[in-house]
């Protein structure tokens, strides 16, 4: 029989994984094919800048936590994996995508976005969405375009009436 302290520690890690999946808007599985410690620390810093985290868990503990949550990604849990997660849906995906462009040893595999299993092609689409600030700027520009165009129209109409 296994040592109760070890079982208790494993259960606390499973609970931590479950909580991270529940509280995160995006939870991404990454293949770690030989990242150095300094590269891993660099990725952690990039993720921290976007209020996200990077953790390394044993695949068996992740599988057990996800089984408790009725999420099936067990076929992807082979080989060394890293998980990145955050409260924002897009920021962790964008940070990992940008990092993997310069580090070919890191590959996104699959993710859990808003509680749903998301394949790689969908993750890549999400990575191309502009940041929240960029979207707000685009929205504000769109709102300003209408009164600007109306002012130009009124100006042209007044010039036409003067002539």
C-alpha atoms as a PDB file:
ATOM      1  CA  UNK A   1       0.000   0.000   0.000  1.00  0.00           C
ATOM      2  CA  UNK A   2       1.212   3.497  -0.836  1.00  0.00           C
ATOM      3  CA  UNK A   3       2.363   5.924   1.783  1.00  0.00           C
ATOM      4  CA  UNK A   4      -0.581   8.093   2.954  1.00  0.00           C
ATOM      5  CA  UNK A   5       1.546  11.247   2.871  1.00  0.00           C
ATOM      6  CA  UNK A   6       2.408  10.654  -0.792  1.00  0.00           C
ATOM      7  CA  UNK A   7      -1.228   9.962  -1.643  1.00  0.00           C
ATOM      8  CA  UNK A   8      -2.270  13.126   0.183  1.00  0.00           C
ATOM      9  CA  UNK A   9       0.341  15.168  -1.704  1.00  0.00           C
ATOM     10  CA  UNK A  10      -0.774  13.707  -5.048  1.00  0.00           C
ATOM     11  CA  UNK A  11      -4.400  14.463  -4.224  1.00  0.00           C
ATOM     12  CA  UNK A  12      -3.505  18.073  -3.403  1.00  0.00           C
ATOM     13  CA  UNK A  13      -1.790  18.385  -6.808  1.00  0.00           C
ATOM     14  CA  UNK A  14      -4.862  16.886  -8.517  1.00  0.00           C
ATOM     15  CA  UNK A  15      -7.048  19.400  -6.674  1.00  0.00           C
ATOM     16  CA  UNK A  16      -4.695  22.218  -7.734  1.00  0.00           C
ATOM     17  CA  UNK A  17      -4.931  21.138 -11.380  1.00  0.00           C
ATOM     18  CA  UNK A  18      -8.732  20.909 -11.149  1.00  0.00           C
ATOM     19  CA  UNK A  19      -8.939  24.391  -9.632  1.00  0.00           C
ATOM     20  CA  UNK A  20      -6.620  25.807 -12.303  1.00  0.00           C
ATOM     21  CA  UNK A  21      -8.773  24.331 -15.070  1.00  0.00           C
ATOM     22  CA  UNK A  22     -12.001  25.586 -13.468  1.00  0.00           C
ATOM     23  CA  UNK A  23     -10.706  29.105 -12.747  1.00  0.00           C
ATOM     24  CA  UNK A  24      -8.847  29.589 -16.034  1.00  0.00           C
ATOM     25  CA  UNK A  25     -10.432  30.711 -19.264  1.00  0.00           C
ATOM     26  CA  UNK A  26      -7.707  28.965 -21.239  1.00  0.00           C
ATOM     27  CA  UNK A  27      -5.609  25.948 -20.288  1.00  0.00           C
ATOM     28  CA  UNK A  28      -3.097  24.966 -22.990  1.00  0.00           C
ATOM     29  CA  UNK A  29      -1.022  21.805 -23.274  1.00  0.00           C
ATOM     30  CA  UNK A  30       2.450  22.276 -24.746  1.00  0.00           C
ATOM     31  CA  UNK A  31       4.991  19.720 -25.898  1.00  0.00           C
ATOM     32  CA  UNK A  32       8.309  20.230 -24.170  1.00  0.00           C
ATOM     33  CA  UNK A  33      10.862  18.726 -26.529  1.00  0.00           C
ATOM     34  CA  UNK A  34      14.045  19.923 -24.875  1.00  0.00           C
ATOM     35  CA  UNK A  35      13.529  23.504 -23.712  1.00  0.00           C
ATOM     36  CA  UNK A  36      16.405  24.642 -21.554  1.00  0.00           C
ATOM     37  CA  UNK A  37      15.844  25.988 -18.061  1.00  0.00           C
ATOM     38  CA  UNK A  38      16.585  29.542 -19.241  1.00  0.00           C
ATOM     39  CA  UNK A  39      14.083  29.203 -22.110  1.00  0.00           C
ATOM     40  CA  UNK A  40      11.463  27.898 -19.695  1.00  0.00           C
ATOM     41  CA  UNK A  41      12.121  30.831 -17.364  1.00  0.00           C
ATOM     42  CA  UNK A  42      11.812  33.230 -20.313  1.00  0.00           C
ATOM     43  CA  UNK A  43       8.441  31.684 -21.205  1.00  0.00           C
ATOM     44  CA  UNK A  44       7.322  31.992 -17.578  1.00  0.00           C
ATOM     45  CA  UNK A  45       8.222  35.709 -17.630  1.00  0.00           C
ATOM     46  CA  UNK A  46       6.292  36.258 -20.872  1.00  0.00           C
ATOM     47  CA  UNK A  47       3.264  34.513 -19.437  1.00  0.00           C
ATOM     48  CA  UNK A  48       3.508  36.425 -16.155  1.00  0.00           C
ATOM     49  CA  UNK A  49       3.401  39.691 -18.135  1.00  0.00           C
ATOM     50  CA  UNK A  50      -0.011  38.642 -19.431  1.00  0.00           C
ATOM     51  CA  UNK A  51      -1.257  37.494 -15.986  1.00  0.00           C
ATOM     52  CA  UNK A  52      -0.848  33.836 -16.938  1.00  0.00           C
ATOM     53  CA  UNK A  53       1.098  30.948 -15.463  1.00  0.00           C
ATOM     54  CA  UNK A  54       3.207  28.015 -16.595  1.00  0.00           C
ATOM     55  CA  UNK A  55       3.274  24.747 -14.668  1.00  0.00           C
ATOM     56  CA  UNK A  56       4.809  21.329 -15.173  1.00  0.00           C
ATOM     57  CA  UNK A  57       2.672  18.453 -13.904  1.00  0.00           C
ATOM     58  CA  UNK A  58       2.900  14.696 -14.230  1.00  0.00           C
ATOM     59  CA  UNK A  59       0.636  13.482 -17.032  1.00  0.00           C
ATOM     60  CA  UNK A  60      -1.009  10.878 -14.793  1.00  0.00           C
ATOM     61  CA  UNK A  61      -2.069  13.545 -12.292  1.00  0.00           C
ATOM     62  CA  UNK A  62      -3.378  15.802 -15.067  1.00  0.00           C
ATOM     63  CA  UNK A  63      -5.309  12.875 -16.557  1.00  0.00           C
ATOM     64  CA  UNK A  64      -6.851  12.076 -13.186  1.00  0.00           C
ATOM     65  CA  UNK A  65      -7.845  15.715 -12.562  1.00  0.00           C
ATOM     66  CA  UNK A  66      -9.375  16.064 -16.027  1.00  0.00           C
ATOM     67  CA  UNK A  67     -11.204  12.748 -15.650  1.00  0.00           C
ATOM     68  CA  UNK A  68     -12.823  14.143 -12.493  1.00  0.00           C
ATOM     69  CA  UNK A  69     -13.940  17.164 -14.564  1.00  0.00           C
ATOM     70  CA  UNK A  70     -15.238  14.953 -17.424  1.00  0.00           C
ATOM     71  CA  UNK A  71     -12.726  16.383 -19.910  1.00  0.00           C
ATOM     72  CA  UNK A  72     -11.145  13.883 -22.266  1.00  0.00           C
ATOM     73  CA  UNK A  73      -7.691  14.802 -23.606  1.00  0.00           C
ATOM     74  CA  UNK A  74      -5.943  11.617 -22.465  1.00  0.00           C
ATOM     75  CA  UNK A  75      -4.754  10.770 -26.006  1.00  0.00           C
ATOM     76  CA  UNK A  76      -2.671  13.991 -25.956  1.00  0.00           C
ATOM     77  CA  UNK A  77      -1.066  13.279 -22.597  1.00  0.00           C
ATOM     78  CA  UNK A  78       1.972  11.378 -23.808  1.00  0.00           C
ATOM     79  CA  UNK A  79       5.500  12.624 -23.452  1.00  0.00           C
ATOM     80  CA  UNK A  80       6.697  15.618 -21.456  1.00  0.00           C
ATOM     81  CA  UNK A  81       4.023  18.311 -21.256  1.00  0.00           C
ATOM     82  CA  UNK A  82       3.854  21.822 -19.884  1.00  0.00           C
ATOM     83  CA  UNK A  83       0.587  23.624 -19.199  1.00  0.00           C
ATOM     84  CA  UNK A  84       0.000  27.341 -19.602  1.00  0.00           C
ATOM     85  CA  UNK A  85      -3.157  28.901 -18.246  1.00  0.00           C
ATOM     86  CA  UNK A  86      -4.694  32.234 -17.412  1.00  0.00           C
ATOM     87  CA  UNK A  87      -7.913  34.037 -16.665  1.00  0.00           C
ATOM     88  CA  UNK A  88      -7.869  35.807 -20.033  1.00  0.00           C
ATOM     89  CA  UNK A  89      -8.801  33.581 -22.969  1.00  0.00           C
ATOM     90  CA  UNK A  90      -6.424  34.990 -25.547  1.00  0.00           C
ATOM     91  CA  UNK A  91      -3.356  36.309 -23.707  1.00  0.00           C
ATOM     92  CA  UNK A  92      -1.782  32.959 -22.720  1.00  0.00           C
ATOM     93  CA  UNK A  93      -2.413  31.573 -26.203  1.00  0.00           C
ATOM     94  CA  UNK A  94      -0.835  34.636 -27.820  1.00  0.00           C
ATOM     95  CA  UNK A  95       2.184  34.535 -25.490  1.00  0.00           C
ATOM     96  CA  UNK A  96       2.830  30.845 -26.159  1.00  0.00           C
ATOM     97  CA  UNK A  97       2.295  31.287 -29.890  1.00  0.00           C
ATOM     98  CA  UNK A  98       4.767  34.189 -30.051  1.00  0.00           C
ATOM     99  CA  UNK A  99       7.309  32.272 -27.996  1.00  0.00           C
ATOM    100  CA  UNK A 100       6.990  29.126 -30.120  1.00  0.00           C
ATOM    101  CA  UNK A 101       7.788  31.121 -33.277  1.00  0.00           C
ATOM    102  CA  UNK A 102      11.344  31.629 -32.032  1.00  0.00           C
ATOM    103  CA  UNK A 103      11.664  28.357 -30.114  1.00  0.00           C
ATOM    104  CA  UNK A 104      10.771  25.393 -32.309  1.00  0.00           C
ATOM    105  CA  UNK A 105      11.117  22.953 -29.400  1.00  0.00           C
ATOM    106  CA  UNK A 106       7.874  24.264 -27.893  1.00  0.00           C
ATOM    107  CA  UNK A 107       4.694  23.183 -29.668  1.00  0.00           C
ATOM    108  CA  UNK A 108       1.063  23.852 -28.738  1.00  0.00           C
ATOM    109  CA  UNK A 109      -0.922  20.621 -28.831  1.00  0.00           C
ATOM    110  CA  UNK A 110      -4.435  21.099 -27.496  1.00  0.00           C
ATOM    111  CA  UNK A 111      -6.245  23.345 -25.057  1.00  0.00           C
ATOM    112  CA  UNK A 112      -9.272  23.791 -22.880  1.00  0.00           C
ATOM    113  CA  UNK A 113     -10.862  27.149 -23.661  1.00  0.00           C
ATOM    114  CA  UNK A 114     -13.932  28.148 -21.632  1.00  0.00           C
ATOM    115  CA  UNK A 115     -14.291  24.555 -20.439  1.00  0.00           C
ATOM    116  CA  UNK A 116     -14.304  23.051 -23.952  1.00  0.00           C
ATOM    117  CA  UNK A 117     -11.549  21.030 -25.569  1.00  0.00           C
ATOM    118  CA  UNK A 118     -10.020  23.119 -28.351  1.00  0.00           C
ATOM    119  CA  UNK A 119      -7.889  21.708 -31.148  1.00  0.00           C
ATOM    120  CA  UNK A 120      -4.653  23.245 -32.440  1.00  0.00           C
ATOM    121  CA  UNK A 121      -6.177  24.973 -35.486  1.00  0.00           C
ATOM    122  CA  UNK A 122      -8.651  26.823 -33.262  1.00  0.00           C
ATOM    123  CA  UNK A 123      -5.859  27.794 -30.862  1.00  0.00           C
ATOM    124  CA  UNK A 124      -3.897  29.219 -33.800  1.00  0.00           C
ATOM    125  CA  UNK A 125      -6.946  31.269 -34.847  1.00  0.00           C
ATOM    126  CA  UNK A 126      -7.322  32.600 -31.315  1.00  0.00           C
ATOM    127  CA  UNK A 127      -3.626  33.566 -31.294  1.00  0.00           C
ATOM    128  CA  UNK A 128      -4.200  35.932 -34.232  1.00  0.00           C
ATOM    129  CA  UNK A 129      -6.890  37.972 -32.452  1.00  0.00           C
ATOM    130  CA  UNK A 130      -5.570  41.380 -31.361  1.00  0.00           C
ATOM    131  CA  UNK A 131      -5.151  42.144 -27.669  1.00  0.00           C
ATOM    132  CA  UNK A 132      -7.985  43.628 -25.628  1.00  0.00           C
ATOM    133  CA  UNK A 133      -6.472  47.104 -25.940  1.00  0.00           C
ATOM    134  CA  UNK A 134      -6.153  46.660 -29.702  1.00  0.00           C
ATOM    135  CA  UNK A 135      -9.780  45.569 -30.007  1.00  0.00           C
ATOM    136  CA  UNK A 136     -10.950  48.525 -27.910  1.00  0.00           C
ATOM    137  CA  UNK A 137      -8.924  50.890 -30.106  1.00  0.00           C
ATOM    138  CA  UNK A 138     -10.476  49.387 -33.233  1.00  0.00           C
ATOM    139  CA  UNK A 139     -13.940  49.710 -31.675  1.00  0.00           C
ATOM    140  CA  UNK A 140     -13.353  53.348 -30.713  1.00  0.00           C
ATOM    141  CA  UNK A 141     -12.074  54.073 -34.218  1.00  0.00           C
ATOM    142  CA  UNK A 142     -15.233  52.556 -35.660  1.00  0.00           C
ATOM    143  CA  UNK A 143     -17.409  54.663 -33.361  1.00  0.00           C
ATOM    144  CA  UNK A 144     -15.535  57.835 -34.292  1.00  0.00           C
ATOM    145  CA  UNK A 145     -15.818  57.134 -38.019  1.00  0.00           C
ATOM    146  CA  UNK A 146     -19.585  57.694 -38.106  1.00  0.00           C
ATOM    147  CA  UNK A 147     -19.639  61.257 -36.660  1.00  0.00           C
ATOM    148  CA  UNK A 148     -16.515  62.114 -38.690  1.00  0.00           C
ATOM    149  CA  UNK A 149     -18.161  61.002 -41.929  1.00  0.00           C
ATOM    150  CA  UNK A 150     -21.349  62.862 -40.968  1.00  0.00           C
ATOM    151  CA  UNK A 151     -19.351  66.058 -40.314  1.00  0.00           C
ATOM    152  CA  UNK A 152     -17.642  65.743 -43.702  1.00  0.00           C
ATOM    153  CA  UNK A 153     -21.022  65.224 -45.361  1.00  0.00           C
ATOM    154  CA  UNK A 154     -22.480  68.326 -43.656  1.00  0.00           C
ATOM    155  CA  UNK A 155     -19.418  70.377 -44.636  1.00  0.00           C
ATOM    156  CA  UNK A 156     -19.699  69.303 -48.285  1.00  0.00           C
ATOM    157  CA  UNK A 157     -23.426  70.063 -48.266  1.00  0.00           C
ATOM    158  CA  UNK A 158     -22.852  73.548 -46.798  1.00  0.00           C
ATOM    159  CA  UNK A 159     -20.156  74.268 -49.410  1.00  0.00           C
ATOM    160  CA  UNK A 160     -22.530  73.153 -52.141  1.00  0.00           C
ATOM    161  CA  UNK A 161     -25.278  75.454 -50.818  1.00  0.00           C
ATOM    162  CA  UNK A 162     -22.849  78.414 -50.707  1.00  0.00           C
ATOM    163  CA  UNK A 163     -22.032  77.994 -54.405  1.00  0.00           C
END
